[in-house]
Amino acid sequence: MNNGYCSPALVADAHATDTIAKRVHYSPPWADLSIIGVAGSSGSGKSTLSHAIVSKLNLPWVVIMSMDSYYKPLDAEASKKAFLNEYDFDSPDAIDFDALLETLRDLKAGKRTEIPVYSFEKHQRLKETTTIYSPHVLVLEGIFALYDPRVMELMDMRIYCEADADTCLSRRILRDVKDRGRTVDGCIKQWFGFVKPNYEKYVVPQRNHADIIVPRGVENRVAMTMVTQYIERKLLEKSTHHRAALKSLEIGFESETLSDRVTILKETPQLRGMNTLIQDIDTCSEDFIFYFDRLSCLIIEQALNNVHFKEHTVETPAGRQYRGLAAKGEVCAVIVLRGGATFEGGLRRVIPDCRTGRLLIQSNTRTGEPELHYLKLPNDISKHESVLLLDAQMSSGGSALMAVQVLVDHGVPQDRIVFATYSAGRVGIHRLTKVFPEIAVVVGNMVPDFQDRWVEKRYFRC
């Protein structure tokens, strides 16, 4: 398994249906991912070819998924046969195609997916799983990658690897002895008992479904070039469509009023004084950090006004009852790196024990399109009462849209998300609230649209 960024499924209820119906549609770049199927005999070089394709592309969001993960769990009798090399792993009946199909459909919809981990030494699925989220391209490799019509229907490209039988057998023996705890005798027994007969019966016919037949595997440079060029073209098309969709979200930003879910800090003399020091180019680094931390505390405190509270009565030191409020549940924060890290000082002062997650979203220097490079969220984030999403600045809103989409894909309801930022442009706020009308937005001050990101540079002195 080659991890991508690498999402629980969206909560499907009537409330969510209403939200989707009234919001402007937005698809993240990883929605409708491209699936490349790579089939061929055991030992034909499928895995090597798949890894060579990923290596040549050199992109973080191309993921390899092996169909070996979807071997069916074995009962006691089947497990006994497996240890005696008498179980047929080379039949389509050994693969859980229904589970595989569900995984591919979830990924195609842009959702987070849990991939089973199969142990060849134990001949069982393990308890742990591998999470996949946000790949743009998925390479699905396995001897039956082009077998099930439902799976093939989801593919954008189908590849069949060919190699002579002697080469396949030698590769299989080397692999199984080294990586799967098998013996040479056991490998040969399986080869003649199951692999070779099933190859003729089930694997060779998949050749007819392939777009490209690749003899000699990675040595076939022409085929390698064709595949990588196709994937690069698909990624460019997706990028172009995504940027066009972002542009279309600007419509009406000058004439329409801001959403009532947007709060801009009231410009008091104290706030104006701190902003003067923060925005003065001659302010020293120590003072800049000190006053930005003060101001970030105010922004976070304002953001907490959007947290869901419940009535809570306590006893005062004077022995009286005070009827107050307490948060309904846990509040966590997600830092949009690296700008959002400037809020961590203020966050620790306001909520000292707050659990945090991290997102790294960077704009492509060539296209300007936001790209998700890193993701680490609390495992139970969908159960948190509120999630603060923190970034130092927002101008066009592309990164903010992507960050909110990540939280929604991980099961966080819109109305539990509070996006907080030091400064924002009107077009960015317009885009964000048009797509996600139920999130709350807290802004320190409004600035011209498409302003350079300078806060993090001054805060971190680089």
Protein backbone atom coordinates (compact mmCIF):
# COMPACT_ATOMS: atom_id res chain seq x y z
CA MET A 1 0.00 0.00 0.00
CA ASN A 2 1.36 3.38 -0.99
CA ASN A 3 -0.38 5.87 1.31
CA GLY A 4 -2.00 8.99 0.00
CA TYR A 5 -3.55 11.67 2.09
CA CYS A 6 -4.48 10.29 2.89
CA SER A 7 -11.50 9.97 4.88
CA PRO A 8 -15.92 8.45 8.34
CA ALA A 9 -18.51 8.93 5.55
CA LEU A 10 -20.67 12.05 5.53
CA VAL A 11 -23.57 11.99 7.93
CA ALA A 12 -26.61 11.25 5.80
CA ASP A 13 -29.73 12.70 7.37
CA ALA A 14 -32.56 15.03 6.43
CA HIS A 15 -30.64 18.04 7.75
CA ALA A 16 -27.66 17.28 5.51
CA THR A 17 -29.97 16.80 2.53
CA ASP A 18 -31.49 20.26 3.08
CA THR A 19 -28.02 21.77 3.35
CA ILE A 20 -26.85 20.24 0.07
CA ALA A 21 -30.03 21.36 -1.66
CA LYS A 22 -29.55 25.06 -0.86
CA ARG A 23 -25.79 25.41 -1.06
CA VAL A 24 -23.75 26.25 -4.15
CA HIS A 25 -22.09 23.11 -5.47
CA TYR A 26 -18.35 22.73 -4.99
CA SER A 27 -16.24 19.68 -5.80
CA PRO A 28 -12.73 19.38 -4.37
CA PRO A 29 -9.94 18.37 -6.75
CA TRP A 30 -9.97 14.80 -5.43
CA ALA A 31 -13.63 14.17 -6.23
CA ASP A 32 -14.20 11.84 -9.18
CA LEU A 33 -10.65 10.51 -8.99
CA SER A 34 -9.13 8.70 -11.94
CA ILE A 35 -8.76 4.94 -11.47
CA ILE A 36 -6.10 3.02 -13.41
CA GLY A 37 -6.49 -0.78 -13.38
CA VAL A 38 -3.39 -2.98 -13.72
CA ALA A 39 -4.03 -6.73 -14.20
CA GLY A 40 -1.87 -9.69 -15.18
CA SER A 41 -0.56 -13.03 -14.00
CA SER A 42 1.00 -13.48 -10.57
CA GLY A 43 4.64 -12.44 -10.96
CA SER A 44 4.04 -10.56 -14.22
CA GLY A 45 5.36 -7.30 -12.79
CA LYS A 46 2.09 -5.50 -11.93
CA SER A 47 3.35 -4.08 -8.64
CA THR A 48 6.71 -3.09 -10.08
CA LEU A 49 5.00 -1.33 -13.01
CA SER A 50 2.55 0.43 -10.67
CA HIS A 51 5.34 1.73 -8.42
CA ALA A 52 7.37 2.82 -11.46
CA ILE A 53 4.39 4.85 -12.73
CA VAL A 54 3.98 6.55 -9.34
CA SER A 55 7.71 7.19 -9.10
CA LYS A 56 7.85 8.72 -12.57
CA LEU A 57 4.88 11.01 -11.85
CA ASN A 58 6.48 12.10 -8.54
CA LEU A 59 3.19 13.45 -7.15
CA PRO A 60 1.92 12.99 -3.57
CA TRP A 61 -1.70 12.29 -4.56
CA VAL A 62 -1.22 9.22 -6.76
CA VAL A 63 -1.96 6.10 -4.69
CA ILE A 64 -1.38 2.39 -5.30
CA MET A 65 -3.97 0.00 -3.89
CA SER A 66 -3.44 -3.76 -4.11
CA MET A 67 -6.42 -6.07 -4.54
CA ASP A 68 -4.64 -8.42 -2.12
CA SER A 69 -6.17 -6.27 0.65
CA TYR A 70 -9.59 -7.61 -0.36
CA TYR A 71 -9.03 -11.33 0.07
CA LYS A 72 -12.05 -12.70 1.93
CA PRO A 73 -11.59 -13.63 5.63
CA LEU A 74 -11.10 -17.39 6.01
CA ASP A 75 -13.00 -19.70 8.34
CA ALA A 76 -11.16 -22.36 10.34
CA GLU A 77 -11.35 -25.03 7.62
CA ALA A 78 -10.23 -22.68 4.83
CA SER A 79 -7.44 -21.32 7.04
CA LYS A 80 -6.14 -24.86 7.62
CA LYS A 81 -6.06 -25.43 3.86
CA ALA A 82 -4.22 -22.13 3.35
CA PHE A 83 -1.39 -23.17 5.68
CA LEU A 84 -1.12 -26.45 3.75
CA ASN A 85 -0.97 -24.51 0.44
CA GLU A 86 -4.26 -26.15 -0.54
CA TYR A 87 -6.51 -23.07 -0.60
CA ASP A 88 -7.21 -21.47 -3.97
CA PHE A 89 -6.20 -17.80 -3.65
CA ASP A 90 -6.08 -17.51 -7.45
CA SER A 91 -9.81 -17.84 -8.01
CA PRO A 92 -12.13 -14.81 -8.26
CA ASP A 93 -14.17 -16.37 -5.44
CA ALA A 94 -11.30 -15.53 -3.05
CA ILE A 95 -11.78 -11.77 -3.60
CA ASP A 96 -14.44 -9.66 -1.82
CA PHE A 97 -15.48 -7.67 -4.89
CA ASP A 98 -18.46 -6.09 -3.10
CA ALA A 99 -16.20 -4.52 -0.45
CA LEU A 100 -13.74 -3.40 -3.13
CA LEU A 101 -16.53 -1.79 -5.14
CA GLU A 102 -17.80 0.08 -2.08
CA THR A 103 -14.30 1.41 -1.42
CA LEU A 104 -13.84 2.60 -5.00
CA ARG A 105 -17.25 4.31 -5.05
CA ASP A 106 -16.47 6.12 -1.79
CA LEU A 107 -13.12 7.32 -3.14
CA LYS A 108 -14.77 8.36 -6.40
CA ALA A 109 -17.17 10.49 -4.32
CA GLY A 110 -14.27 12.14 -2.48
CA LYS A 111 -14.92 10.40 0.85
CA ARG A 112 -12.44 8.99 3.36
CA THR A 113 -12.07 5.21 3.11
CA GLU A 114 -10.62 2.49 5.32
CA ILE A 115 -8.64 -0.17 3.43
CA PRO A 116 -8.32 -3.66 4.99
CA VAL A 117 -4.84 -4.95 5.82
CA TYR A 118 -4.34 -8.60 4.85
CA SER A 119 -1.63 -10.76 6.41
CA PHE A 120 -0.30 -13.47 4.10
CA GLU A 121 1.57 -15.06 6.99
CA LYS A 122 -1.64 -15.40 9.03
CA HIS A 123 -3.98 -15.75 6.03
CA GLN A 124 -6.38 -13.28 7.66
CA ARG A 125 -7.33 -9.63 7.64
CA LEU A 126 -5.80 -7.70 10.53
CA LYS A 127 -7.79 -5.48 12.89
CA GLU A 128 -6.02 -2.32 11.78
CA THR A 129 -6.87 -0.60 8.49
CA THR A 130 -5.16 1.92 6.22
CA THR A 131 -6.88 5.25 5.65
CA ILE A 132 -7.03 6.73 2.18
CA TYR A 133 -8.32 10.23 1.58
CA SER A 134 -8.02 12.73 -1.28
CA PRO A 135 -6.03 10.88 -3.96
CA HIS A 136 -6.41 12.36 -7.44
CA VAL A 137 -5.33 9.11 -9.12
CA LEU A 138 -5.66 5.55 -7.82
CA VAL A 139 -3.69 2.67 -9.36
CA LEU A 140 -5.57 -0.57 -8.61
CA GLU A 141 -3.34 -3.60 -9.19
CA GLY A 142 -4.17 -7.29 -8.89
CA ILE A 143 -4.62 -10.45 -10.89
CA PHE A 144 -8.35 -9.72 -11.13
CA ALA A 145 -8.23 -5.93 -11.59
CA LEU A 146 -10.02 -6.27 -14.97
CA TYR A 147 -12.35 -9.13 -14.00
CA ASP A 148 -15.47 -7.57 -12.42
CA PRO A 149 -17.53 -5.42 -14.86
CA ARG A 150 -18.70 -3.17 -11.99
CA VAL A 151 -15.11 -2.36 -11.07
CA MET A 152 -14.03 -1.85 -14.68
CA GLU A 153 -16.90 0.59 -15.20
CA LEU A 154 -15.25 2.95 -12.69
CA MET A 155 -11.86 2.85 -14.43
CA ASP A 156 -10.40 5.51 -16.68
CA MET A 157 -7.63 3.30 -18.03
CA ARG A 158 -7.05 -0.49 -18.12
CA ILE A 159 -3.59 -2.05 -18.34
CA TYR A 160 -2.64 -5.70 -18.75
CA CYS A 161 0.90 -6.87 -17.86
CA GLU A 162 2.43 -9.78 -19.73
CA ALA A 163 5.47 -11.94 -18.95
CA ASP A 164 6.46 -15.50 -19.82
CA ALA A 165 5.51 -18.27 -17.39
CA ASP A 166 9.06 -19.08 -16.26
CA THR A 167 9.71 -15.46 -15.33
CA CYS A 168 6.42 -15.26 -13.43
CA LEU A 169 7.15 -18.44 -11.46
CA SER A 170 10.66 -17.34 -10.47
CA ARG A 171 9.42 -13.90 -9.37
CA ARG A 172 6.60 -15.47 -7.35
CA ILE A 173 8.95 -17.86 -5.54
CA LEU A 174 11.39 -15.07 -4.66
CA ARG A 175 8.55 -12.82 -3.40
CA ASP A 176 6.62 -15.44 -1.41
CA VAL A 177 9.68 -16.89 0.30
CA LYS A 178 11.06 -13.47 1.19
CA ASP A 179 7.88 -11.56 2.11
CA ARG A 180 5.11 -14.07 2.84
CA GLY A 181 6.78 -16.80 4.89
CA ARG A 182 6.30 -19.54 2.28
CA THR A 183 8.58 -22.42 1.29
CA VAL A 184 9.82 -23.15 -2.22
CA ASP A 185 7.94 -26.47 -2.25
CA GLY A 186 4.76 -24.71 -1.14
CA CYS A 187 5.12 -22.08 -3.87
CA ILE A 188 5.57 -24.75 -6.57
CA LYS A 189 2.61 -26.72 -5.19
CA GLN A 190 0.36 -23.66 -5.39
CA TRP A 191 1.66 -22.72 -8.84
CA PHE A 192 0.75 -26.01 -10.50
CA GLY A 193 -2.33 -26.65 -8.35
CA PHE A 194 -4.03 -23.26 -8.64
CA VAL A 195 -2.05 -20.42 -10.22
CA LYS A 196 -1.33 -21.88 -13.64
CA PRO A 197 -4.83 -23.44 -14.25
CA ASN A 198 -6.60 -20.25 -13.09
CA TYR A 199 -4.29 -18.10 -15.18
CA GLU A 200 -5.64 -19.69 -18.36
CA LYS A 201 -9.22 -19.71 -17.10
CA TYR A 202 -9.60 -16.29 -15.45
CA VAL A 203 -6.56 -14.04 -16.03
CA VAL A 204 -5.84 -14.34 -19.76
CA PRO A 205 -9.43 -13.36 -20.75
CA GLN A 206 -8.91 -10.00 -18.99
CA ARG A 207 -6.46 -9.19 -21.78
CA ASN A 208 -9.49 -8.47 -23.99
CA HIS A 209 -10.63 -5.66 -21.66
CA ALA A 210 -7.27 -3.80 -21.60
CA ASP A 211 -6.63 -0.43 -23.22
CA ILE A 212 -2.88 -1.11 -23.15
CA ILE A 213 -1.07 -4.47 -23.08
CA VAL A 214 2.40 -4.10 -21.56
CA PRO A 215 4.93 -6.84 -22.30
CA ARG A 216 8.24 -6.71 -20.39
CA GLY A 217 6.79 -4.50 -17.60
CA VAL A 218 8.94 -1.52 -16.60
CA GLU A 219 11.37 -2.25 -19.41
CA ASN A 220 8.67 -1.18 -21.86
CA ARG A 221 9.42 2.54 -21.84
CA VAL A 222 6.94 3.37 -24.61
CA ALA A 223 4.04 1.98 -22.59
CA MET A 224 5.31 3.71 -19.44
CA THR A 225 5.38 7.05 -21.24
CA MET A 226 1.85 6.54 -22.61
CA VAL A 227 0.47 5.80 -19.14
CA THR A 228 2.20 8.70 -17.37
CA GLN A 229 1.25 11.17 -20.11
CA TYR A 230 -2.38 10.08 -19.84
CA ILE A 231 -2.40 10.54 -16.06
CA GLU A 232 -0.72 13.96 -16.34
CA ARG A 233 -3.33 15.04 -18.87
CA LYS A 234 -6.18 13.91 -16.59
CA LEU A 235 -4.69 15.82 -13.65
CA LEU A 236 -4.38 18.95 -15.79
CA GLU A 237 -8.02 18.64 -16.83
CA LYS A 238 -9.13 18.27 -13.21
CA SER A 239 -7.02 21.28 -12.20
CA THR A 240 -8.49 23.41 -14.99
CA HIS A 241 -12.06 22.49 -14.04
CA HIS A 242 -11.40 23.17 -10.35
CA ARG A 243 -9.94 26.62 -11.02
CA ALA A 244 -12.89 27.46 -13.28
CA ALA A 245 -15.30 26.38 -10.53
CA LEU A 246 -13.50 28.61 -7.99
CA LYS A 247 -13.70 31.55 -10.41
CA SER A 248 -17.43 31.05 -10.90
CA LEU A 249 -18.00 31.38 -7.13
CA GLU A 250 -17.03 35.07 -7.31
CA ILE A 251 -20.30 36.00 -9.03
CA GLY A 252 -22.25 38.50 -6.96
CA PHE A 253 -19.60 39.17 -4.29
CA GLU A 254 -19.67 42.96 -4.87
CA SER A 255 -23.45 43.40 -4.72
CA GLU A 256 -24.56 40.82 -2.16
CA THR A 257 -24.38 41.46 1.58
CA LEU A 258 -22.23 39.24 3.76
CA SER A 259 -23.86 36.27 5.42
CA ASP A 260 -25.28 36.83 8.91
CA ARG A 261 -23.01 33.96 9.99
CA VAL A 262 -19.99 36.24 9.46
CA THR A 263 -18.70 38.26 12.43
CA ILE A 264 -16.12 41.02 12.04
CA LEU A 265 -14.50 42.22 15.27
CA LYS A 266 -15.80 45.62 16.32
CA GLU A 267 -13.11 48.24 15.72
CA THR A 268 -12.59 49.54 19.26
CA PRO A 269 -9.73 51.96 20.08
CA GLN A 270 -7.84 49.03 21.68
CA LEU A 271 -8.28 46.85 18.59
CA ARG A 272 -7.28 49.67 16.27
CA GLY A 273 -4.18 50.33 18.35
CA MET A 274 -3.10 46.68 18.20
CA ASN A 275 -3.73 46.57 14.46
CA THR A 276 -1.59 49.67 14.03
CA LEU A 277 1.35 47.96 15.73
CA ILE A 278 0.80 44.68 13.89
CA GLN A 279 0.64 46.32 10.47
CA ASP A 280 3.47 48.79 11.03
CA ILE A 281 6.50 47.58 9.07
CA ASP A 282 8.80 49.15 11.68
CA THR A 283 7.35 47.17 14.62
CA CYS A 284 10.04 44.84 16.01
CA SER A 285 9.46 41.06 15.91
CA GLU A 286 9.00 40.74 19.67
CA ASP A 287 6.26 43.38 19.76
CA PHE A 288 4.61 41.98 16.63
CA ILE A 289 4.35 38.50 18.18
CA PHE A 290 3.15 39.90 21.53
CA TYR A 291 0.33 41.96 20.03
CA PHE A 292 -0.65 39.36 17.46
CA ASP A 293 -1.02 36.81 20.27
CA ARG A 294 -3.24 39.28 22.16
CA LEU A 295 -5.38 39.87 19.11
CA SER A 296 -5.60 36.15 18.28
CA CYS A 297 -6.99 35.59 21.80
CA LEU A 298 -9.80 38.07 21.03
CA ILE A 299 -10.54 36.37 17.70
CA ILE A 300 -10.66 32.92 19.31
CA GLU A 301 -12.85 34.18 22.15
CA GLN A 302 -15.23 35.64 19.57
CA ALA A 303 -15.18 32.34 17.68
CA LEU A 304 -16.16 30.52 20.88
CA ASN A 305 -19.37 32.56 20.97
CA ASN A 306 -20.51 30.25 18.16
CA VAL A 307 -19.90 27.09 20.20
CA HIS A 308 -23.03 25.23 21.30
CA PHE A 309 -23.66 25.73 25.03
CA LYS A 310 -25.99 24.25 27.61
CA GLU A 311 -27.21 25.64 30.94
CA HIS A 312 -24.98 24.76 33.88
CA THR A 313 -25.43 25.72 37.53
CA VAL A 314 -22.46 26.04 39.89
CA GLU A 315 -21.95 27.02 43.52
CA THR A 316 -20.06 30.29 44.07
CA PRO A 317 -17.42 30.90 46.80
CA ALA A 318 -20.11 32.92 48.54
CA GLY A 319 -22.30 29.80 48.76
CA ARG A 320 -24.80 30.97 46.16
CA GLN A 321 -26.03 29.27 42.99
CA TYR A 322 -24.95 30.73 39.65
CA ARG A 323 -26.88 29.68 36.57
CA GLY A 324 -24.36 29.82 33.75
CA LEU A 325 -23.37 27.99 30.58
CA ALA A 326 -20.96 25.21 29.67
CA ALA A 327 -19.94 23.87 26.30
CA LYS A 328 -22.10 20.92 25.26
CA GLY A 329 -19.09 18.87 24.28
CA GLU A 330 -15.43 18.96 23.32
CA VAL A 331 -14.06 21.80 21.24
CA CYS A 332 -11.02 21.08 19.08
CA ALA A 333 -9.04 23.19 16.65
CA VAL A 334 -7.63 22.46 13.20
CA ILE A 335 -4.60 24.52 12.18
CA VAL A 336 -4.25 25.37 8.49
CA LEU A 337 -0.47 25.35 8.08
CA ARG A 338 1.49 27.35 8.18
CA GLY A 339 -0.47 30.56 8.74
CA GLY A 340 -2.86 29.01 11.26
CA ALA A 341 0.07 28.16 13.53
CA THR A 342 0.28 31.88 14.39
CA PHE A 343 -2.94 31.33 16.41
CA GLU A 344 -1.51 28.59 18.60
CA GLY A 345 -0.21 31.00 21.25
CA GLY A 346 -3.65 32.57 21.61
CA LEU A 347 -5.36 29.18 21.47
CA ARG A 348 -3.29 27.85 24.40
CA ARG A 349 -4.21 30.90 26.48
CA VAL A 350 -7.93 30.60 25.76
CA ILE A 351 -8.26 26.77 25.71
CA PRO A 352 -5.10 25.32 27.32
CA ASP A 353 -6.08 21.65 26.81
CA CYS A 354 -7.52 22.01 23.32
CA ARG A 355 -6.78 19.08 21.01
CA THR A 356 -5.54 20.12 17.57
CA GLY A 357 -5.25 18.78 14.05
CA ARG A 358 -3.20 19.94 11.08
CA LEU A 359 -3.85 20.64 7.40
CA LEU A 360 -1.23 21.74 4.89
CA ILE A 361 -2.77 23.40 1.86
CA GLN A 362 -0.47 25.15 -0.57
CA SER A 363 -1.14 26.94 -3.83
CA ASN A 364 0.46 25.51 -6.94
CA THR A 365 3.00 28.11 -8.10
CA ARG A 366 2.15 27.39 -11.74
CA THR A 367 -1.65 27.28 -11.66
CA GLY A 368 -2.53 29.03 -8.40
CA GLU A 369 -4.77 26.08 -7.49
CA PRO A 370 -4.86 25.08 -3.79
CA GLU A 371 -3.48 21.59 -3.15
CA LEU A 372 -3.85 19.35 -0.08
CA HIS A 373 -0.40 18.09 0.95
CA TYR A 374 -0.84 16.91 4.55
CA LEU A 375 -3.69 15.86 6.81
CA LYS A 376 -3.76 14.89 10.51
CA LEU A 377 -7.04 15.18 12.41
CA PRO A 378 -8.30 13.86 15.77
CA ASN A 379 -9.74 10.38 15.15
CA ASP A 380 -13.10 11.29 16.71
CA ILE A 381 -13.40 14.76 15.19
CA SER A 382 -16.90 14.02 13.86
CA LYS A 383 -18.10 13.64 17.48
CA HIS A 384 -16.75 16.98 18.68
CA GLU A 385 -19.30 19.62 19.52
CA SER A 386 -17.40 22.35 17.70
CA VAL A 387 -14.31 22.59 15.50
CA LEU A 388 -12.32 25.82 15.22
CA LEU A 389 -10.60 26.13 11.83
CA LEU A 390 -7.73 28.60 12.15
CA ASP A 391 -5.77 30.44 9.46
CA ALA A 392 -3.91 33.75 9.61
CA GLN A 393 -5.29 35.19 6.36
CA MET A 394 -7.91 34.48 3.71
CA SER A 395 -8.09 36.28 0.40
CA SER A 396 -9.43 34.26 -2.53
CA GLY A 397 -10.95 31.60 -0.25
CA GLY A 398 -9.58 28.60 -2.19
CA SER A 399 -7.64 27.15 0.74
CA ALA A 400 -10.49 27.85 3.15
CA LEU A 401 -12.97 26.04 0.88
CA MET A 402 -10.68 23.05 0.70
CA ALA A 403 -10.09 23.02 4.48
CA VAL A 404 -13.82 23.10 5.25
CA GLN A 405 -14.47 20.39 2.65
CA VAL A 406 -11.92 18.16 4.40
CA LEU A 407 -13.77 18.55 7.72
CA VAL A 408 -17.15 17.88 6.09
CA ASP A 409 -15.73 14.78 4.40
CA HIS A 410 -14.63 13.59 7.84
CA GLY A 411 -18.16 13.82 9.20
CA VAL A 412 -18.12 17.27 10.84
CA PRO A 413 -21.50 19.00 10.33
CA GLN A 414 -21.29 22.48 8.80
CA ASP A 415 -22.95 24.21 11.74
CA ARG A 416 -20.22 22.91 14.08
CA ILE A 417 -17.39 24.53 12.11
CA VAL A 418 -16.11 28.00 13.01
CA PHE A 419 -13.56 29.47 10.61
CA ALA A 420 -11.44 32.13 12.34
CA THR A 421 -8.87 34.35 10.67
CA TYR A 422 -6.98 37.57 11.32
CA SER A 423 -7.87 39.13 7.96
CA ALA A 424 -10.07 38.28 5.00
CA GLY A 425 -11.12 39.68 1.65
CA ARG A 426 -14.74 40.02 0.65
CA VAL A 427 -14.46 37.67 -2.33
CA GLY A 428 -13.04 34.89 -0.13
CA ILE A 429 -15.81 35.23 2.45
CA HIS A 430 -18.40 35.29 -0.33
CA ARG A 431 -17.07 32.08 -1.86
CA LEU A 432 -16.82 30.28 1.47
CA THR A 433 -20.31 31.15 2.74
CA LYS A 434 -21.97 30.48 -0.60
CA VAL A 435 -20.68 26.92 -0.64
CA PHE A 436 -20.96 26.32 3.13
CA PRO A 437 -23.77 28.61 4.34
CA GLU A 438 -24.05 27.07 7.82
CA ILE A 439 -20.47 27.54 9.01
CA ALA A 440 -19.62 30.53 11.20
CA VAL A 441 -16.84 32.90 10.14
CA VAL A 442 -14.96 35.24 12.50
CA VAL A 443 -12.65 37.88 10.98
CA GLY A 444 -10.29 40.27 12.74
CA ASN A 445 -10.42 42.86 9.97
CA MET A 446 -11.41 43.18 6.32
CA VAL A 447 -8.69 43.78 3.72
CA PRO A 448 -8.48 44.16 -0.06
CA ASP A 449 -8.96 40.90 -1.95
CA PHE A 450 -5.99 38.74 -3.01
CA GLN A 451 -3.56 40.16 -0.47
CA ASP A 452 -0.15 38.46 -0.10
CA ARG A 453 0.36 36.24 2.97
CA TRP A 454 2.62 38.36 5.15
CA VAL A 455 1.47 37.57 8.71
CA GLU A 456 3.18 34.18 9.01
CA LYS A 457 6.41 35.57 7.56
CA ARG A 458 6.60 38.27 10.21
CA TYR A 459 5.42 36.00 13.03
CA PHE A 460 7.92 33.23 12.32
CA ARG A 461 10.61 35.68 11.09
CA CYS A 462 11.07 33.82 7.81
